[in-house]
C-alpha atoms as a PDB file:
ATOM      1  CA  MET A   1       2.770 -31.859 102.586  1.00  0.00           C
ATOM      2  CA  THR A   2       0.555 -28.840 101.865  1.00  0.00           C
ATOM      3  CA  ASN A   3      -3.284 -29.177 102.016  1.00  0.00           C
ATOM      4  CA  ASN A   4      -4.434 -27.719  98.911  1.00  0.00           C
ATOM      5  CA  ASP A   5      -8.112 -27.601 100.350  1.00  0.00           C
ATOM      6  CA  PHE A   6      -6.807 -25.260 103.076  1.00  0.00           C
ATOM      7  CA  ASP A   7      -8.698 -21.958 102.702  1.00  0.00           C
ATOM      8  CA  LEU A   8      -6.014 -19.184 103.619  1.00  0.00           C
ATOM      9  CA  LYS A   9      -8.160 -16.439 102.409  1.00  0.00           C
ATOM     10  CA  SER A  10     -10.790 -17.146 105.024  1.00  0.00           C
ATOM     11  CA  TYR A  11      -8.239 -17.884 107.636  1.00  0.00           C
ATOM     12  CA  PHE A  12      -6.484 -14.369 107.083  1.00  0.00           C
ATOM     13  CA  ALA A  13     -10.041 -12.744 107.233  1.00  0.00           C
ATOM     14  CA  ASP A  14     -10.985 -14.390 110.332  1.00  0.00           C
ATOM     15  CA  LYS A  15      -7.665 -13.633 112.062  1.00  0.00           C
ATOM     16  CA  THR A  16      -7.324 -10.113 110.811  1.00  0.00           C
ATOM     17  CA  ILE A  17     -10.596  -9.299 112.370  1.00  0.00           C
ATOM     18  CA  ILE A  18      -9.812 -10.735 115.741  1.00  0.00           C
ATOM     19  CA  ILE A  19      -6.516  -8.960 115.752  1.00  0.00           C
ATOM     20  CA  LYS A  20      -7.896  -5.616 114.624  1.00  0.00           C
ATOM     21  CA  ASN A  21     -10.769  -6.015 117.316  1.00  0.00           C
ATOM     22  CA  GLU A  22      -8.135  -6.505 119.964  1.00  0.00           C
ATOM     23  CA  LEU A  23      -5.819  -3.799 118.791  1.00  0.00           C
ATOM     24  CA  THR A  24      -8.762  -1.505 118.911  1.00  0.00           C
ATOM     25  CA  LYS A  25      -9.685  -2.591 122.523  1.00  0.00           C
ATOM     26  CA  ILE A  26      -6.179  -1.933 123.676  1.00  0.00           C
ATOM     27  CA  ILE A  27      -5.584   1.185 122.020  1.00  0.00           C
ATOM     28  CA  ASN A  28      -9.032   2.700 123.121  1.00  0.00           C
ATOM     29  CA  GLY A  29      -8.420   1.221 126.681  1.00  0.00           C
ATOM     30  CA  SER A  30      -7.539   4.620 128.296  1.00  0.00           C
ATOM     31  CA  ASN A  31      -8.973   8.175 128.711  1.00  0.00           C
ATOM     32  CA  VAL A  32      -6.249   9.485 126.444  1.00  0.00           C
ATOM     33  CA  SER A  33      -7.466  11.352 123.298  1.00  0.00           C
ATOM     34  CA  GLY A  34      -6.121  13.988 120.982  1.00  0.00           C
ATOM     35  CA  GLN A  35      -3.895  14.025 117.891  1.00  0.00           C
ATOM     36  CA  LEU A  36      -1.296  11.529 119.139  1.00  0.00           C
ATOM     37  CA  LEU A  37      -3.788   8.864 119.705  1.00  0.00           C
ATOM     38  CA  ARG A  38      -5.386   9.644 116.123  1.00  0.00           C
ATOM     39  CA  ALA A  39      -2.022   9.180 114.486  1.00  0.00           C
ATOM     40  CA  MET A  40      -1.397   5.940 116.336  1.00  0.00           C
ATOM     41  CA  GLU A  41      -4.798   4.465 115.343  1.00  0.00           C
ATOM     42  CA  TYR A  42      -4.329   6.009 111.730  1.00  0.00           C
ATOM     43  CA  SER A  43      -1.195   3.795 111.326  1.00  0.00           C
ATOM     44  CA  LEU A  44      -2.004   0.885 113.505  1.00  0.00           C
ATOM     45  CA  LEU A  45      -5.731   0.123 112.522  1.00  0.00           C
ATOM     46  CA  SER A  46      -4.953   0.627 108.735  1.00  0.00           C
ATOM     47  CA  GLU A  47      -5.759  -2.279 106.431  1.00  0.00           C
ATOM     48  CA  GLY A  48      -2.496  -4.060 106.546  1.00  0.00           C
ATOM     49  CA  LYS A  49      -1.614  -7.739 106.079  1.00  0.00           C
ATOM     50  CA  ARG A  50      -1.061  -8.573 109.510  1.00  0.00           C
ATOM     51  CA  ILE A  51       1.407 -11.214 108.543  1.00  0.00           C
ATOM     52  CA  ARG A  52       3.445 -11.209 111.803  1.00  0.00           C
ATOM     53  CA  PRO A  53       0.638 -11.549 114.426  1.00  0.00           C
ATOM     54  CA  ILE A  54      -1.037 -14.032 112.135  1.00  0.00           C
ATOM     55  CA  LEU A  55       2.190 -15.991 112.180  1.00  0.00           C
ATOM     56  CA  CYS A  56       2.424 -15.839 115.816  1.00  0.00           C
ATOM     57  CA  ILE A  57      -1.113 -17.394 116.039  1.00  0.00           C
ATOM     58  CA  ALA A  58      -0.709 -19.796 113.385  1.00  0.00           C
ATOM     59  CA  ALA A  59       2.619 -21.127 114.891  1.00  0.00           C
ATOM     60  CA  ALA A  60       1.045 -21.654 118.307  1.00  0.00           C
ATOM     61  CA  GLU A  61      -1.782 -23.471 116.627  1.00  0.00           C
ATOM     62  CA  SER A  62       0.410 -25.799 114.813  1.00  0.00           C
ATOM     63  CA  VAL A  63       1.603 -27.207 118.246  1.00  0.00           C
ATOM     64  CA  GLY A  64      -1.764 -27.243 119.802  1.00  0.00           C
ATOM     65  CA  GLY A  65      -1.919 -23.741 121.431  1.00  0.00           C
ATOM     66  CA  LYS A  66      -4.887 -21.468 121.876  1.00  0.00           C
ATOM     67  CA  GLN A  67      -5.321 -18.181 120.235  1.00  0.00           C
ATOM     68  CA  SER A  68      -6.521 -16.317 123.192  1.00  0.00           C
ATOM     69  CA  ASP A  69      -3.125 -17.160 125.012  1.00  0.00           C
ATOM     70  CA  ILE A  70      -1.147 -15.643 122.156  1.00  0.00           C
ATOM     71  CA  LEU A  71      -3.132 -12.647 121.389  1.00  0.00           C
ATOM     72  CA  PRO A  72      -1.145 -10.215 123.574  1.00  0.00           C
ATOM     73  CA  ALA A  73       2.079 -11.114 122.021  1.00  0.00           C
ATOM     74  CA  ALA A  74       0.677 -11.122 118.515  1.00  0.00           C
ATOM     75  CA  CYS A  75      -0.699  -7.593 119.190  1.00  0.00           C
ATOM     76  CA  ALA A  76       2.443  -6.123 120.581  1.00  0.00           C
ATOM     77  CA  ILE A  77       4.438  -7.481 117.619  1.00  0.00           C
ATOM     78  CA  GLU A  78       2.004  -5.719 115.310  1.00  0.00           C
ATOM     79  CA  MET A  79       2.469  -2.588 117.187  1.00  0.00           C
ATOM     80  CA  ILE A  80       6.065  -2.763 116.904  1.00  0.00           C
ATOM     81  CA  HIS A  81       5.800  -3.482 113.206  1.00  0.00           C
ATOM     82  CA  ALA A  82       3.453  -0.436 112.743  1.00  0.00           C
ATOM     83  CA  TYR A  83       5.843   1.783 114.704  1.00  0.00           C
ATOM     84  CA  SER A  84       8.696   0.787 112.344  1.00  0.00           C
ATOM     85  CA  LEU A  85       6.589   1.605 109.189  1.00  0.00           C
ATOM     86  CA  ILE A  86       5.899   5.028 110.497  1.00  0.00           C
ATOM     87  CA  HIS A  87       9.635   5.716 111.254  1.00  0.00           C
ATOM     88  CA  ASP A  88      10.791   4.013 107.850  1.00  0.00           C
ATOM     89  CA  ASP A  89       8.486   6.436 105.897  1.00  0.00           C
ATOM     90  CA  LEU A  90       9.826   9.578 107.476  1.00  0.00           C
ATOM     91  CA  PRO A  91      11.723  12.027 105.451  1.00  0.00           C
ATOM     92  CA  ALA A  92      15.031  11.348 107.217  1.00  0.00           C
ATOM     93  CA  ILE A  93      14.807   7.566 106.166  1.00  0.00           C
ATOM     94  CA  ASP A  94      12.681   6.762 103.176  1.00  0.00           C
ATOM     95  CA  ASN A  95      10.620   9.916 102.548  1.00  0.00           C
ATOM     96  CA  ASP A  96       7.573   7.869 101.434  1.00  0.00           C
ATOM     97  CA  LEU A  97       4.162   9.635 101.082  1.00  0.00           C
ATOM     98  CA  LEU A  98       2.066   6.489 100.501  1.00  0.00           C
ATOM     99  CA  ARG A  99       1.689   3.579 102.658  1.00  0.00           C
ATOM    100  CA  ARG A 100      -1.225   1.028 102.173  1.00  0.00           C
ATOM    101  CA  GLY A 101      -2.885   3.145  99.677  1.00  0.00           C
ATOM    102  CA  LYS A 102      -3.305   6.301 101.860  1.00  0.00           C
ATOM    103  CA  PRO A 103      -0.866   9.016 102.949  1.00  0.00           C
ATOM    104  CA  THR A 104       1.666   7.948 105.440  1.00  0.00           C
ATOM    105  CA  CYS A 105       1.717   9.163 108.934  1.00  0.00           C
ATOM    106  CA  HIS A 106       3.792  11.999 108.624  1.00  0.00           C
ATOM    107  CA  ALA A 107       2.037  13.090 105.439  1.00  0.00           C
ATOM    108  CA  ALA A 108      -1.389  12.734 107.115  1.00  0.00           C
ATOM    109  CA  PHE A 109      -0.426  14.496 110.219  1.00  0.00           C
ATOM    110  CA  ASN A 110       3.196  16.117 110.553  1.00  0.00           C
ATOM    111  CA  GLU A 111       6.693  14.744 110.963  1.00  0.00           C
ATOM    112  CA  ALA A 112       6.736  15.544 115.019  1.00  0.00           C
ATOM    113  CA  THR A 113       3.442  13.702 115.299  1.00  0.00           C
ATOM    114  CA  ALA A 114       4.612  10.601 113.318  1.00  0.00           C
ATOM    115  CA  ILE A 115       7.817  10.369 115.385  1.00  0.00           C
ATOM    116  CA  LEU A 116       5.870  10.479 118.571  1.00  0.00           C
ATOM    117  CA  ALA A 117       3.230   8.103 117.449  1.00  0.00           C
ATOM    118  CA  GLY A 118       5.983   5.567 116.616  1.00  0.00           C
ATOM    119  CA  ASP A 119       7.482   6.036 119.830  1.00  0.00           C
ATOM    120  CA  ALA A 120       4.196   5.605 121.653  1.00  0.00           C
ATOM    121  CA  LEU A 121       3.314   2.360 119.631  1.00  0.00           C
ATOM    122  CA  LEU A 122       6.649   0.896 120.495  1.00  0.00           C
ATOM    123  CA  THR A 123       6.264   1.499 124.185  1.00  0.00           C
ATOM    124  CA  LEU A 124       2.699   0.414 124.252  1.00  0.00           C
ATOM    125  CA  ALA A 125       3.843  -2.715 122.964  1.00  0.00           C
ATOM    126  CA  PHE A 126       5.997  -3.542 125.936  1.00  0.00           C
ATOM    127  CA  GLN A 127       3.277  -2.097 128.118  1.00  0.00           C
ATOM    128  CA  VAL A 128       0.910  -4.888 126.633  1.00  0.00           C
ATOM    129  CA  LEU A 129       3.503  -7.753 126.883  1.00  0.00           C
ATOM    130  CA  SER A 130       4.281  -6.759 130.684  1.00  0.00           C
ATOM    131  CA  SER A 131       0.471  -6.503 131.612  1.00  0.00           C
ATOM    132  CA  VAL A 132      -0.303 -10.171 130.930  1.00  0.00           C
ATOM    133  CA  LYS A 133      -2.240 -11.746 133.849  1.00  0.00           C
ATOM    134  CA  LEU A 134       0.186 -14.481 134.995  1.00  0.00           C
ATOM    135  CA  GLN A 135      -1.102 -17.653 136.981  1.00  0.00           C
ATOM    136  CA  ASN A 136       2.195 -18.829 138.391  1.00  0.00           C
ATOM    137  CA  ASN A 137       6.045 -18.487 138.451  1.00  0.00           C
ATOM    138  CA  THR A 138       6.327 -20.563 135.334  1.00  0.00           C
ATOM    139  CA  ASP A 139       4.018 -18.328 133.377  1.00  0.00           C
ATOM    140  CA  SER A 140       6.176 -15.266 134.543  1.00  0.00           C
ATOM    141  CA  VAL A 141       9.492 -16.780 133.265  1.00  0.00           C
ATOM    142  CA  ILE A 142       7.853 -17.594 129.921  1.00  0.00           C
ATOM    143  CA  TRP A 143       6.472 -14.024 129.321  1.00  0.00           C
ATOM    144  CA  LEU A 144      10.006 -12.616 130.485  1.00  0.00           C
ATOM    145  CA  LYS A 145      11.601 -14.873 127.836  1.00  0.00           C
ATOM    146  CA  ILE A 146       8.834 -13.626 125.242  1.00  0.00           C
ATOM    147  CA  ILE A 147       9.725 -10.005 126.154  1.00  0.00           C
ATOM    148  CA  HIS A 148      13.414 -10.521 125.763  1.00  0.00           C
ATOM    149  CA  SER A 149      13.065 -12.407 122.290  1.00  0.00           C
ATOM    150  CA  ILE A 150      10.809  -9.632 120.852  1.00  0.00           C
ATOM    151  CA  SER A 151      12.851  -6.684 122.214  1.00  0.00           C
ATOM    152  CA  THR A 152      16.052  -8.168 120.901  1.00  0.00           C
ATOM    153  CA  ALA A 153      14.542  -8.796 117.518  1.00  0.00           C
ATOM    154  CA  ALA A 154      13.195  -5.135 117.519  1.00  0.00           C
ATOM    155  CA  GLY A 155      16.261  -3.542 118.637  1.00  0.00           C
ATOM    156  CA  TYR A 156      19.880  -2.774 117.616  1.00  0.00           C
ATOM    157  CA  MET A 157      20.878  -6.305 117.455  1.00  0.00           C
ATOM    158  CA  GLY A 158      17.841  -6.901 114.968  1.00  0.00           C
ATOM    159  CA  MET A 159      15.348  -4.700 113.022  1.00  0.00           C
ATOM    160  CA  ILE A 160      17.032  -1.351 113.676  1.00  0.00           C
ATOM    161  CA  GLU A 161      20.497  -2.453 112.956  1.00  0.00           C
ATOM    162  CA  GLY A 162      19.044  -4.016 109.757  1.00  0.00           C
ATOM    163  CA  GLN A 163      17.528  -0.598 108.835  1.00  0.00           C
ATOM    164  CA  MET A 164      20.706   1.059 109.556  1.00  0.00           C
ATOM    165  CA  ARG A 165      22.595  -1.299 107.089  1.00  0.00           C
ATOM    166  CA  ASP A 166      19.947  -0.758 104.684  1.00  0.00           C
ATOM    167  CA  ILE A 167      20.547   3.078 104.702  1.00  0.00           C
ATOM    168  CA  ALA A 168      24.354   2.565 104.695  1.00  0.00           C
ATOM    169  CA  SER A 169      23.976   0.374 101.507  1.00  0.00           C
ATOM    170  CA  GLU A 170      22.488   2.915  99.360  1.00  0.00           C
ATOM    171  CA  ASN A 171      24.436   4.096  96.492  1.00  0.00           C
ATOM    172  CA  SER A 172      27.037   0.941  96.933  1.00  0.00           C
ATOM    173  CA  GLN A 173      27.207  -2.480  95.832  1.00  0.00           C
ATOM    174  CA  ILE A 174      27.126  -5.192  98.613  1.00  0.00           C
ATOM    175  CA  SER A 175      27.290  -8.901  98.344  1.00  0.00           C
ATOM    176  CA  LEU A 176      24.698 -11.313  98.340  1.00  0.00           C
ATOM    177  CA  LEU A 177      25.860 -12.594 101.777  1.00  0.00           C
ATOM    178  CA  GLU A 178      25.717  -9.039 103.042  1.00  0.00           C
ATOM    179  CA  LEU A 179      22.145  -8.411 101.629  1.00  0.00           C
ATOM    180  CA  GLU A 180      20.991 -11.495 103.409  1.00  0.00           C
ATOM    181  CA  ASN A 181      22.573 -10.535 106.618  1.00  0.00           C
ATOM    182  CA  LEU A 182      20.883  -7.189 106.159  1.00  0.00           C
ATOM    183  CA  HIS A 183      17.340  -8.598 105.597  1.00  0.00           C
ATOM    184  CA  SER A 184      17.778 -11.163 108.297  1.00  0.00           C
ATOM    185  CA  LEU A 185      17.897  -8.419 110.605  1.00  0.00           C
ATOM    186  CA  LYS A 186      15.487  -5.661 109.087  1.00  0.00           C
ATOM    187  CA  THR A 187      12.797  -8.008 108.124  1.00  0.00           C
ATOM    188  CA  GLY A 188      13.572 -11.436 109.115  1.00  0.00           C
ATOM    189  CA  ALA A 189      14.240 -10.811 112.918  1.00  0.00           C
ATOM    190  CA  LEU A 190      10.646  -9.762 113.798  1.00  0.00           C
ATOM    191  CA  ILE A 191       9.058 -12.500 111.660  1.00  0.00           C
ATOM    192  CA  THR A 192      11.404 -15.179 113.458  1.00  0.00           C
ATOM    193  CA  ALA A 193      10.448 -13.589 116.738  1.00  0.00           C
ATOM    194  CA  SER A 194       6.905 -13.833 115.815  1.00  0.00           C
ATOM    195  CA  VAL A 195       6.829 -17.329 115.044  1.00  0.00           C
ATOM    196  CA  GLU A 196       9.032 -18.221 118.195  1.00  0.00           C
ATOM    197  CA  ALA A 197       6.857 -16.372 120.487  1.00  0.00           C
ATOM    198  CA  GLY A 198       3.721 -18.222 119.287  1.00  0.00           C
ATOM    199  CA  ALA A 199       5.724 -21.629 119.677  1.00  0.00           C
ATOM    200  CA  ILE A 200       7.050 -20.866 123.088  1.00  0.00           C
ATOM    201  CA  LEU A 201       3.784 -19.705 124.367  1.00  0.00           C
ATOM    202  CA  ALA A 202       1.919 -22.943 123.188  1.00  0.00           C
ATOM    203  CA  ASN A 203       4.563 -25.143 125.201  1.00  0.00           C
ATOM    204  CA  ALA A 204       6.265 -26.368 122.056  1.00  0.00           C
ATOM    205  CA  SER A 205       9.131 -28.830 122.299  1.00  0.00           C
ATOM    206  CA  PHE A 206      12.669 -27.889 121.725  1.00  0.00           C
ATOM    207  CA  ASP A 207      12.662 -29.800 118.307  1.00  0.00           C
ATOM    208  CA  GLN A 208       9.346 -28.028 117.397  1.00  0.00           C
ATOM    209  CA  ILE A 209      10.748 -24.524 118.030  1.00  0.00           C
ATOM    210  CA  GLU A 210      13.835 -25.255 116.049  1.00  0.00           C
ATOM    211  CA  GLN A 211      12.235 -26.462 113.040  1.00  0.00           C
ATOM    212  CA  LEU A 212       9.784 -23.241 113.358  1.00  0.00           C
ATOM    213  CA  LYS A 213      12.798 -21.134 113.591  1.00  0.00           C
ATOM    214  CA  VAL A 214      14.375 -22.473 110.376  1.00  0.00           C
ATOM    215  CA  TYR A 215      10.791 -22.012 108.661  1.00  0.00           C
ATOM    216  CA  SER A 216      10.504 -18.393 109.863  1.00  0.00           C
ATOM    217  CA  GLU A 217      14.129 -17.542 108.969  1.00  0.00           C
ATOM    218  CA  LYS A 218      13.597 -18.818 105.231  1.00  0.00           C
ATOM    219  CA  ILE A 219      10.072 -17.267 104.940  1.00  0.00           C
ATOM    220  CA  GLY A 220      11.488 -14.032 106.448  1.00  0.00           C
ATOM    221  CA  LEU A 221      14.184 -13.874 103.465  1.00  0.00           C
ATOM    222  CA  ALA A 222      11.462 -14.823 100.735  1.00  0.00           C
ATOM    223  CA  PHE A 223       9.285 -12.241 102.010  1.00  0.00           C
ATOM    224  CA  GLN A 224      11.943  -9.561 101.317  1.00  0.00           C
ATOM    225  CA  ILE A 225      12.748 -10.961  97.825  1.00  0.00           C
ATOM    226  CA  ALA A 226       8.976 -10.677  97.208  1.00  0.00           C
ATOM    227  CA  ASP A 227       8.919  -6.967  98.413  1.00  0.00           C
ATOM    228  CA  ASP A 228      11.932  -6.214  96.221  1.00  0.00           C
ATOM    229  CA  LEU A 229      10.189  -7.698  93.149  1.00  0.00           C
ATOM    230  CA  LEU A 230       6.948  -6.016  93.853  1.00  0.00           C
ATOM    231  CA  ASN A 231       8.762  -2.696  94.037  1.00  0.00           C
ATOM    232  CA  ILE A 232       9.849  -3.272  90.285  1.00  0.00           C
ATOM    233  CA  HIS A 233       6.478  -4.676  88.784  1.00  0.00           C
ATOM    234  CA  GLY A 234       3.828  -4.431  91.530  1.00  0.00           C
ATOM    235  CA  ASP A 235       0.663  -2.647  90.725  1.00  0.00           C
ATOM    236  CA  PRO A 236       0.619   0.588  92.933  1.00  0.00           C
ATOM    237  CA  ASN A 237      -3.409   0.280  93.114  1.00  0.00           C
ATOM    238  CA  ILE A 238      -2.877  -3.063  94.767  1.00  0.00           C
ATOM    239  CA  THR A 239       0.309  -2.666  96.710  1.00  0.00           C
ATOM    240  CA  GLY A 240      -0.774   0.737  98.134  1.00  0.00           C
ATOM    241  CA  LYS A 241       2.615   2.331  97.528  1.00  0.00           C
ATOM    242  CA  PRO A 242       4.714   3.412  94.529  1.00  0.00           C
ATOM    243  CA  VAL A 243       6.864   1.225  92.491  1.00  0.00           C
ATOM    244  CA  GLY A 244      10.514   1.870  91.428  1.00  0.00           C
ATOM    245  CA  THR A 245      11.611   3.661  94.586  1.00  0.00           C
ATOM    246  CA  ASP A 246      14.410   1.238  95.414  1.00  0.00           C
ATOM    247  CA  LYS A 247      16.059   1.958  91.825  1.00  0.00           C
ATOM    248  CA  ALA A 248      15.552   5.493  92.419  1.00  0.00           C
ATOM    249  CA  ARG A 249      17.484   5.470  95.959  1.00  0.00           C
ATOM    250  CA  LYS A 250      19.952   3.129  94.437  1.00  0.00           C
ATOM    251  CA  LYS A 251      19.105   0.522  97.101  1.00  0.00           C
ATOM    252  CA  SER A 252      20.934  -2.964  97.216  1.00  0.00           C
ATOM    253  CA  THR A 253      17.987  -5.383  96.374  1.00  0.00           C
ATOM    254  CA  TYR A 254      18.009  -9.042  95.307  1.00  0.00           C
ATOM    255  CA  PRO A 255      16.834  -8.213  91.705  1.00  0.00           C
ATOM    256  CA  SER A 256      19.753  -5.613  91.489  1.00  0.00           C
ATOM    257  CA  LEU A 257      22.070  -8.348  92.619  1.00  0.00           C
ATOM    258  CA  LEU A 258      20.709 -11.638  90.991  1.00  0.00           C
ATOM    259  CA  GLY A 259      18.303 -10.128  88.307  1.00  0.00           C
ATOM    260  CA  ILE A 260      14.467 -10.647  88.493  1.00  0.00           C
ATOM    261  CA  VAL A 261      14.425 -14.366  87.048  1.00  0.00           C
ATOM    262  CA  GLU A 262      17.045 -15.545  89.547  1.00  0.00           C
ATOM    263  CA  SER A 263      15.427 -13.639  92.463  1.00  0.00           C
ATOM    264  CA  GLU A 264      12.143 -15.440  91.686  1.00  0.00           C
ATOM    265  CA  HIS A 265      13.873 -18.785  91.662  1.00  0.00           C
ATOM    266  CA  TYR A 266      15.825 -18.027  94.864  1.00  0.00           C
ATOM    267  CA  ALA A 267      12.493 -16.953  96.581  1.00  0.00           C
ATOM    268  CA  LYS A 268      10.821 -20.358  95.616  1.00  0.00           C
ATOM    269  CA  LYS A 269      13.826 -22.393  96.697  1.00  0.00           C
ATOM    270  CA  LEU A 270      13.731 -20.504 100.159  1.00  0.00           C
ATOM    271  CA  ILE A 271       9.892 -21.508 100.351  1.00  0.00           C
ATOM    272  CA  LYS A 272      10.645 -25.113  99.513  1.00  0.00           C
ATOM    273  CA  GLU A 273      13.186 -25.162 102.301  1.00  0.00           C
ATOM    274  CA  ALA A 274      10.777 -23.549 104.758  1.00  0.00           C
ATOM    275  CA  LEU A 275       7.882 -26.162 103.904  1.00  0.00           C
ATOM    276  CA  HIS A 276      10.511 -29.000 104.262  1.00  0.00           C
ATOM    277  CA  ALA A 277      11.250 -27.621 107.753  1.00  0.00           C
ATOM    278  CA  LEU A 278       7.496 -28.268 108.653  1.00  0.00           C
ATOM    279  CA  ALA A 279       7.765 -31.845 107.662  1.00  0.00           C
ATOM    280  CA  LEU A 280       7.450 -33.152 111.316  1.00  0.00           C
ATOM    281  CA  PHE A 281       4.218 -31.140 111.831  1.00  0.00           C
ATOM    282  CA  ASP A 282       0.579 -32.385 111.261  1.00  0.00           C
ATOM    283  CA  ASN A 283      -1.996 -30.522 109.414  1.00  0.00           C
ATOM    284  CA  LYS A 284      -2.624 -28.107 112.283  1.00  0.00           C
ATOM    285  CA  SER A 285       0.468 -26.420 110.668  1.00  0.00           C
ATOM    286  CA  ASP A 286      -1.461 -26.143 107.276  1.00  0.00           C
ATOM    287  CA  PRO A 287      -1.773 -22.313 107.615  1.00  0.00           C
ATOM    288  CA  LEU A 288       1.937 -22.004 108.114  1.00  0.00           C
ATOM    289  CA  ARG A 289       2.402 -24.022 104.996  1.00  0.00           C
ATOM    290  CA  ALA A 290      -0.182 -21.980 103.118  1.00  0.00           C
ATOM    291  CA  ILE A 291       1.245 -18.559 104.480  1.00  0.00           C
ATOM    292  CA  ALA A 292       4.796 -19.493 103.046  1.00  0.00           C
ATOM    293  CA  LEU A 293       3.427 -20.099  99.601  1.00  0.00           C
ATOM    294  CA  TYR A 294       1.305 -16.931  99.869  1.00  0.00           C
ATOM    295  CA  ILE A 295       4.530 -15.029 100.735  1.00  0.00           C
ATOM    296  CA  ILE A 296       5.794 -15.435  97.162  1.00  0.00           C
ATOM    297  CA  GLU A 297       2.515 -15.304  95.260  1.00  0.00           C
ATOM    298  CA  ARG A 298       1.110 -12.224  96.867  1.00  0.00           C
ATOM    299  CA  LYS A 299       0.392  -8.990  94.783  1.00  0.00           C
ATOM    300  CA  ARG A 300       0.894  -6.684  97.757  1.00  0.00           C
END
């Protein structure tokens, strides 16, 4: 049951500030300066939704975990996400010039700098994950498990393979199952890893982790459907990026396969299933419930 009194806007605002402050501290924690660092900051510290790190924290809190214990993983995940957006926007892939209402990294700097900034953020993520102060051998095993989970989700068995399939599907018709598999990798894998990392670091039980994985898989697909729909009828002034690009590139999307109305119905069905997966959790998981509903109601 969702608590209608839960204030998601305030929750997002609080967590976004905490995450951005921590990201700022990490990226400015060395004596490095110059164009590469400016490009990294430009993309990482821009006004994004921070859905993945917030999901990581919310999943931990849902099983009684502490935010402070989760922050390194949450920040590393956001760095990986930022790197993926930089590379997705490059001329060789999506060739986008606008992201979050401002020029994309390669447009603001240059293509070579953008490639290197993405590479640097990806490697910094694992530097952060491997720099956690460990208290005992159990901590070591848990953090190694987190590193394995996140790297698998971000790599050729997850996000990058999904991106490759997305490129390969342009100008061709694929089935709904193929589209779901594509987006389970491209979008869903890192979302699932975010939720799973938060749960594992908070010492969730096996059953709790399994239900949270179901939740994350459902919202991951719903998130992509919402993105596809925003690419058709979103407001560029709100989304911060142009609309109609999927159709122009002849991408396979949920609306192109199912139609707009059916896509909306499918997204709602997925969210209903995600909420059902949280049935065994108490009101500490209200942020997760509210985020699920936000995913299909969002305007950006």
